[in-house]
Amino acid sequence: EVQAVESGGGLVQPGGSRTLSCQVSGASHPVWVVSWFRQIPGKEREGIACVSRGDGTKYYADSVKGRWTVSRDNPKNAVELHMTDLSPQDTAVYYCAVTTQFPFPPNLWSGSGRCLRPAEIGTWGQGTQVTVSS
């Protein structure tokens, strides 16, 4: 059974940085894609970034492009989301998600941005709260 577990949430001051980690386990497929989402109460879940384990293809939402980065550590089956220049508007529950089955090659699936569509995601983590406040 594929699982994704987030860690690293907490309280951050405005303008600060935070790194979230996603630990993937149980994936028998050699290639999977990890996507990061966030959700503010009362709003829809928003896709932020994704990375393919295979060739490292990445995709970022416009809201975080140039400000945040996603990286993978294949030997550890882990992915990190590096967040900088945080503002109170970034306060949300952050989720990582793993997808192992794709309608077409995973690098194209992630590179096209479909990795940020909640309906196409395979397995969700439980979420970790990030609060940006002074």
Foldseek 3Di string as FASTA:
>chain_A
DKAKAKDWADEAAAQAKTKMKIAIDDDPAPKKKKWKWWDDPPDDIWTAKMFILPPGQMDGDPVCPPAKDKDADNVRNMIMIIGGRDDQVPWTWMKMFMDDDDPDDPSVCRNVPVSGPVVRTDGIYPTHTHGYHD
